[in-house]
Amino acid sequence: MPGYPRPMGYGLLAGAIAAEIIATTSMKYSEGFTRLWPSVVTGVGYLIAFALLAQALKTLQVGTAYAIWSGVGTAAVAGIGILFLGETLSLAKIAGIVLIVAGVAVLNLGGAH
């Protein structure tokens, strides 16, 4: 695939994941987009996340990149909710996070390049 070297693609993907995590966490603090600065951080964060994801897709397969982006982001936001936002931890949540991480690992180990 044309574009950046693969390691740079994964670096861009990591940036996209970080921006998505920040945006999603900020959305919680926006109180339904009624608070200005958390709302701005949410919008800018998602714009950055999608821009970086689009650049990463120049060298990474879309299925693998999206699985990593959404899976890692989902697991991280769930962890942030539990650790910092007072959300409850249950066996079902733990199982869901483990399954997300396992699914991403299987996609990567299964020969997706």
C-alpha atoms as a PDB file:
ATOM      1  CA  MET A   1       0.000   0.000   0.000  1.00  0.00           C
ATOM      2  CA  PRO A   2       1.332   3.469  -0.768  1.00  0.00           C
ATOM      3  CA  GLY A   3       1.825   5.991   1.985  1.00  0.00           C
ATOM      4  CA  TYR A   4       3.820   6.077   5.158  1.00  0.00           C
ATOM      5  CA  PRO A   5       6.049   3.239   6.359  1.00  0.00           C
ATOM      6  CA  ARG A   6       3.987   0.778   8.423  1.00  0.00           C
ATOM      7  CA  PRO A   7       5.513   1.813  11.812  1.00  0.00           C
ATOM      8  CA  MET A   8       4.414   5.396  11.141  1.00  0.00           C
ATOM      9  CA  GLY A   9       0.935   4.095  10.342  1.00  0.00           C
ATOM     10  CA  TYR A  10       0.767   2.492  13.777  1.00  0.00           C
ATOM     11  CA  GLY A  11       2.038   5.733  15.337  1.00  0.00           C
ATOM     12  CA  LEU A  12      -0.730   7.657  13.595  1.00  0.00           C
ATOM     13  CA  LEU A  13      -3.208   5.028  14.780  1.00  0.00           C
ATOM     14  CA  ALA A  14      -1.977   5.454  18.367  1.00  0.00           C
ATOM     15  CA  GLY A  15      -2.523   9.202  18.054  1.00  0.00           C
ATOM     16  CA  ALA A  16      -6.020   8.595  16.677  1.00  0.00           C
ATOM     17  CA  ILE A  17      -6.798   6.344  19.638  1.00  0.00           C
ATOM     18  CA  ALA A  18      -5.524   8.928  22.142  1.00  0.00           C
ATOM     19  CA  ALA A  19      -7.572  11.699  20.512  1.00  0.00           C
ATOM     20  CA  GLU A  20     -10.693   9.512  20.511  1.00  0.00           C
ATOM     21  CA  ILE A  21     -10.246   8.668  24.200  1.00  0.00           C
ATOM     22  CA  ILE A  22      -9.840  12.346  25.098  1.00  0.00           C
ATOM     23  CA  ALA A  23     -12.865  13.302  22.980  1.00  0.00           C
ATOM     24  CA  THR A  24     -15.106  10.619  24.454  1.00  0.00           C
ATOM     25  CA  THR A  25     -14.076  11.417  28.017  1.00  0.00           C
ATOM     26  CA  SER A  26     -14.656  15.133  27.368  1.00  0.00           C
ATOM     27  CA  MET A  27     -18.117  14.340  26.055  1.00  0.00           C
ATOM     28  CA  LYS A  28     -19.031  13.083  29.531  1.00  0.00           C
ATOM     29  CA  TYR A  29     -18.056  16.471  30.955  1.00  0.00           C
ATOM     30  CA  SER A  30     -19.895  18.420  28.244  1.00  0.00           C
ATOM     31  CA  GLU A  31     -23.222  17.602  29.945  1.00  0.00           C
ATOM     32  CA  GLY A  32     -25.053  17.062  26.674  1.00  0.00           C
ATOM     33  CA  PHE A  33     -22.984  19.729  24.902  1.00  0.00           C
ATOM     34  CA  THR A  34     -24.235  22.415  27.289  1.00  0.00           C
ATOM     35  CA  ARG A  35     -20.733  23.241  28.601  1.00  0.00           C
ATOM     36  CA  LEU A  36     -18.545  25.084  26.089  1.00  0.00           C
ATOM     37  CA  TRP A  37     -14.985  23.885  26.668  1.00  0.00           C
ATOM     38  CA  PRO A  38     -15.664  20.175  27.129  1.00  0.00           C
ATOM     39  CA  SER A  39     -17.842  20.395  23.993  1.00  0.00           C
ATOM     40  CA  VAL A  40     -15.026  22.074  22.052  1.00  0.00           C
ATOM     41  CA  VAL A  41     -12.523  19.445  23.230  1.00  0.00           C
ATOM     42  CA  THR A  42     -14.964  16.716  22.147  1.00  0.00           C
ATOM     43  CA  GLY A  43     -15.382  18.132  18.649  1.00  0.00           C
ATOM     44  CA  VAL A  44     -11.709  18.893  18.098  1.00  0.00           C
ATOM     45  CA  GLY A  45     -10.710  15.527  19.554  1.00  0.00           C
ATOM     46  CA  TYR A  46     -12.933  13.630  17.141  1.00  0.00           C
ATOM     47  CA  LEU A  47     -11.721  15.696  14.183  1.00  0.00           C
ATOM     48  CA  ILE A  48      -8.125  14.881  15.102  1.00  0.00           C
ATOM     49  CA  ALA A  49      -8.977  11.225  15.703  1.00  0.00           C
ATOM     50  CA  PHE A  50     -10.587  10.795  12.284  1.00  0.00           C
ATOM     51  CA  ALA A  51      -7.872  12.763  10.504  1.00  0.00           C
ATOM     52  CA  LEU A  52      -5.147  10.601  12.060  1.00  0.00           C
ATOM     53  CA  LEU A  53      -7.110   7.407  11.405  1.00  0.00           C
ATOM     54  CA  ALA A  54      -7.509   8.415   7.752  1.00  0.00           C
ATOM     55  CA  GLN A  55      -3.748   8.938   7.466  1.00  0.00           C
ATOM     56  CA  ALA A  56      -3.036   5.617   9.184  1.00  0.00           C
ATOM     57  CA  LEU A  57      -5.253   3.861   6.640  1.00  0.00           C
ATOM     58  CA  LYS A  58      -2.798   4.804   3.912  1.00  0.00           C
ATOM     59  CA  THR A  59      -0.612   1.913   5.089  1.00  0.00           C
ATOM     60  CA  LEU A  60      -2.797  -0.207   7.384  1.00  0.00           C
ATOM     61  CA  GLN A  61      -5.694  -2.442   6.435  1.00  0.00           C
ATOM     62  CA  VAL A  62      -9.011  -0.858   7.299  1.00  0.00           C
ATOM     63  CA  GLY A  63     -10.408  -3.871   9.178  1.00  0.00           C
ATOM     64  CA  THR A  64      -7.377  -4.269  11.386  1.00  0.00           C
ATOM     65  CA  ALA A  65      -6.893  -0.537  11.991  1.00  0.00           C
ATOM     66  CA  TYR A  66     -10.547   0.029  12.829  1.00  0.00           C
ATOM     67  CA  ALA A  67     -10.630  -2.979  15.149  1.00  0.00           C
ATOM     68  CA  ILE A  68      -7.600  -1.665  17.015  1.00  0.00           C
ATOM     69  CA  TRP A  69      -8.929   1.909  17.078  1.00  0.00           C
ATOM     70  CA  SER A  70     -12.392   1.039  18.311  1.00  0.00           C
ATOM     71  CA  GLY A  71     -11.338  -1.848  20.567  1.00  0.00           C
ATOM     72  CA  VAL A  72      -8.531  -0.084  22.384  1.00  0.00           C
ATOM     73  CA  GLY A  73     -10.603   3.091  22.624  1.00  0.00           C
ATOM     74  CA  THR A  74     -13.600   1.239  24.038  1.00  0.00           C
ATOM     75  CA  ALA A  75     -11.520  -0.669  26.584  1.00  0.00           C
ATOM     76  CA  ALA A  76      -9.644   2.479  27.634  1.00  0.00           C
ATOM     77  CA  VAL A  77     -12.803   4.561  28.041  1.00  0.00           C
ATOM     78  CA  ALA A  78     -14.418   1.762  30.056  1.00  0.00           C
ATOM     79  CA  GLY A  79     -11.334   1.722  32.291  1.00  0.00           C
ATOM     80  CA  ILE A  80     -11.417   5.516  32.682  1.00  0.00           C
ATOM     81  CA  GLY A  81     -15.086   5.307  33.622  1.00  0.00           C
ATOM     82  CA  ILE A  82     -14.351   2.734  36.290  1.00  0.00           C
ATOM     83  CA  LEU A  83     -11.178   4.348  37.648  1.00  0.00           C
ATOM     84  CA  PHE A  84     -12.088   8.036  37.507  1.00  0.00           C
ATOM     85  CA  LEU A  85     -15.803   8.526  36.874  1.00  0.00           C
ATOM     86  CA  GLY A  86     -17.308   6.291  39.530  1.00  0.00           C
ATOM     87  CA  GLU A  87     -18.730   3.681  37.188  1.00  0.00           C
ATOM     88  CA  THR A  88     -19.253   0.232  38.631  1.00  0.00           C
ATOM     89  CA  LEU A  89     -17.061  -2.750  37.868  1.00  0.00           C
ATOM     90  CA  SER A  90     -18.853  -6.007  37.226  1.00  0.00           C
ATOM     91  CA  LEU A  91     -17.947  -9.427  35.964  1.00  0.00           C
ATOM     92  CA  ALA A  92     -19.822  -8.655  32.740  1.00  0.00           C
ATOM     93  CA  LYS A  93     -17.762  -5.477  32.177  1.00  0.00           C
ATOM     94  CA  ILE A  94     -14.528  -7.316  32.831  1.00  0.00           C
ATOM     95  CA  ALA A  95     -15.557 -10.088  30.441  1.00  0.00           C
ATOM     96  CA  GLY A  96     -16.524  -7.547  27.777  1.00  0.00           C
ATOM     97  CA  ILE A  97     -13.206  -5.726  27.998  1.00  0.00           C
ATOM     98  CA  VAL A  98     -11.286  -9.015  27.900  1.00  0.00           C
ATOM     99  CA  LEU A  99     -13.261 -10.115  24.828  1.00  0.00           C
ATOM    100  CA  ILE A 100     -12.586  -6.799  23.068  1.00  0.00           C
ATOM    101  CA  VAL A 101      -8.845  -7.057  23.710  1.00  0.00           C
ATOM    102  CA  ALA A 102      -8.844 -10.732  22.705  1.00  0.00           C
ATOM    103  CA  GLY A 103     -10.671  -9.926  19.468  1.00  0.00           C
ATOM    104  CA  VAL A 104      -8.154  -7.269  18.514  1.00  0.00           C
ATOM    105  CA  ALA A 105      -5.291  -9.641  19.357  1.00  0.00           C
ATOM    106  CA  VAL A 106      -6.786 -12.429  17.237  1.00  0.00           C
ATOM    107  CA  LEU A 107      -7.171 -10.077  14.268  1.00  0.00           C
ATOM    108  CA  ASN A 108      -3.531  -9.062  14.565  1.00  0.00           C
ATOM    109  CA  LEU A 109      -2.162 -12.539  15.172  1.00  0.00           C
ATOM    110  CA  GLY A 110      -4.356 -14.049  12.485  1.00  0.00           C
ATOM    111  CA  GLY A 111      -2.201 -12.709   9.719  1.00  0.00           C
ATOM    112  CA  ALA A 112      -3.879  -9.358   9.104  1.00  0.00           C
ATOM    113  CA  HIS A 113      -1.185  -6.977   7.858  1.00  0.00           C
END
